[in-house]
Amino acid sequence: MINKFVAIVSPLLLVTACASAPVASLMPLEDGSYRSLAYSENEQQALGSSLKLAETTCRERNLRHAIVNADTRYRGLPLRRAEPQETAAELATYVNSPRFPALDANDDYEVKVLFKCV
């Protein structure tokens, strides 16, 4: 009985242990502001990564950051519906889309932060 439990739970633990850090990028804009874009498996990590990028960018210039706008978008599997028929249809559409992610992808949430150094 215990061996069956270990055989079932062990792979699940490995999947969560292999989670990677958020991916973030910085884009300077024409008006002197910046846009940070971060992807992560959860919203808090993506937002934190984007805000940390804003903070370090401005700190390097001996300035502080001021957030102009922040936008969060969920890009993961569409499994949050109450109706099973809608979920099945959305999931089928999602799997057939060109952006279908790999199973180990950590980009369920996308956070864009527009900021200035002041």
Protein backbone atom coordinates (compact mmCIF):
# COMPACT_ATOMS: atom_id res chain seq x y z
CA MET A 1 0.00 0.00 0.00
CA ILE A 2 2.77 2.43 0.93
CA ASN A 3 4.73 1.56 -2.22
CA LYS A 4 1.70 2.44 -4.37
CA PHE A 5 1.35 5.78 -2.56
CA VAL A 6 5.05 6.59 -3.08
CA ALA A 7 4.83 5.58 -6.75
CA ILE A 8 1.90 7.94 -7.29
CA VAL A 9 3.08 10.91 -5.21
CA SER A 10 6.79 10.92 -6.14
CA PRO A 11 6.31 12.07 -9.76
CA LEU A 12 3.96 14.82 -8.57
CA LEU A 13 6.59 16.10 -6.15
CA LEU A 14 9.20 16.12 -8.89
CA VAL A 15 6.99 18.23 -11.13
CA THR A 16 6.58 20.89 -8.43
CA ALA A 17 10.26 20.72 -7.51
CA CYS A 18 11.26 21.41 -11.12
CA ALA A 19 9.38 24.71 -11.28
CA SER A 20 11.63 27.37 -12.66
CA ALA A 21 12.00 31.04 -11.85
CA PRO A 22 9.89 33.69 -13.54
CA VAL A 23 11.09 34.99 -16.90
CA ALA A 24 11.29 38.80 -17.14
CA SER A 25 12.39 41.26 -19.80
CA LEU A 26 12.81 45.03 -19.92
CA MET A 27 11.94 47.34 -22.82
CA PRO A 28 12.94 51.02 -22.83
CA LEU A 29 10.28 53.17 -24.49
CA GLU A 30 10.63 56.32 -26.57
CA ASP A 31 9.27 58.67 -23.90
CA GLY A 32 11.89 57.63 -21.32
CA SER A 33 9.64 55.15 -19.53
CA TYR A 34 10.17 51.40 -19.35
CA ARG A 35 7.98 48.34 -19.72
CA SER A 36 8.82 45.18 -17.85
CA LEU A 37 7.21 41.96 -18.97
CA ALA A 38 7.26 38.87 -16.76
CA TYR A 39 5.88 35.35 -17.11
CA SER A 40 5.45 32.89 -14.26
CA GLU A 41 3.35 29.99 -13.06
CA ASN A 42 1.51 32.25 -10.59
CA GLU A 43 0.46 35.88 -10.57
CA GLN A 44 2.39 36.92 -7.45
CA GLN A 45 5.71 35.63 -8.82
CA ALA A 46 5.22 37.34 -12.17
CA LEU A 47 4.23 40.64 -10.55
CA GLY A 48 7.08 40.43 -8.06
CA SER A 49 9.60 39.75 -10.80
CA SER A 50 8.34 42.64 -12.91
CA LEU A 51 8.38 45.06 -9.95
CA LYS A 52 11.88 43.92 -8.90
CA LEU A 53 13.08 44.63 -12.42
CA ALA A 54 11.59 48.14 -12.20
CA GLU A 55 13.23 48.72 -8.82
CA THR A 56 16.70 47.56 -9.87
CA THR A 57 16.55 49.46 -13.18
CA CYS A 58 15.87 52.75 -11.43
CA ARG A 59 18.22 52.05 -8.52
CA GLU A 60 21.08 51.65 -11.03
CA ARG A 61 20.36 55.24 -12.10
CA ASN A 62 20.15 56.46 -8.48
CA LEU A 63 16.42 57.10 -8.92
CA ARG A 64 13.24 55.51 -7.61
CA HIS A 65 10.60 53.83 -9.72
CA ALA A 66 7.05 55.09 -10.21
CA ILE A 67 4.50 52.67 -11.62
CA VAL A 68 2.37 54.17 -14.39
CA ASN A 69 0.31 51.08 -15.23
CA ALA A 70 0.23 47.35 -14.43
CA ASP A 71 -1.65 44.68 -16.34
CA THR A 72 -2.01 40.98 -15.53
CA ARG A 73 -3.26 38.36 -17.95
CA TYR A 74 -3.92 34.66 -17.35
CA ARG A 75 -2.59 32.56 -20.26
CA GLY A 76 -2.95 29.07 -18.80
CA LEU A 77 -5.46 26.30 -19.31
CA PRO A 78 -9.10 27.45 -19.41
CA LEU A 79 -10.34 25.19 -16.60
CA ARG A 80 -12.09 27.74 -14.40
CA ARG A 81 -15.60 27.44 -15.86
CA ALA A 82 -18.50 25.88 -13.98
CA GLU A 83 -20.07 24.24 -17.05
CA PRO A 84 -18.24 21.07 -18.17
CA GLN A 85 -19.39 21.52 -21.78
CA GLU A 86 -17.85 25.00 -21.96
CA THR A 87 -14.65 23.79 -20.32
CA ALA A 88 -14.32 20.89 -22.77
CA ALA A 89 -14.85 23.17 -25.76
CA GLU A 90 -12.39 25.79 -24.47
CA LEU A 91 -9.81 23.14 -23.66
CA ALA A 92 -10.13 21.61 -27.14
CA THR A 93 -9.68 25.03 -28.72
CA TYR A 94 -6.72 25.79 -26.47
CA VAL A 95 -4.94 22.50 -27.23
CA ASN A 96 -5.39 23.04 -30.97
CA SER A 97 -4.08 26.61 -30.86
CA PRO A 98 -0.55 27.35 -32.08
CA ARG A 99 0.41 28.63 -28.60
CA PHE A 100 -0.21 25.35 -26.78
CA PRO A 101 2.51 25.22 -24.10
CA ALA A 102 4.79 22.42 -23.09
CA LEU A 103 3.86 20.57 -19.92
CA ASP A 104 6.83 22.08 -18.09
CA ALA A 105 6.04 25.67 -19.13
CA ASN A 106 5.88 28.24 -16.33
CA ASP A 107 4.14 31.02 -18.23
CA ASP A 108 0.54 30.81 -17.05
CA TYR A 109 0.55 34.48 -15.97
CA GLU A 110 1.83 37.46 -17.91
CA VAL A 111 2.41 40.76 -16.10
CA LYS A 112 3.24 44.01 -17.90
CA VAL A 113 4.36 46.95 -15.77
CA LEU A 114 4.87 50.40 -17.28
CA PHE A 115 7.12 52.55 -15.07
CA LYS A 116 9.32 55.62 -15.00
CA CYS A 117 12.45 56.41 -13.05
CA VAL A 118 11.99 59.66 -11.12
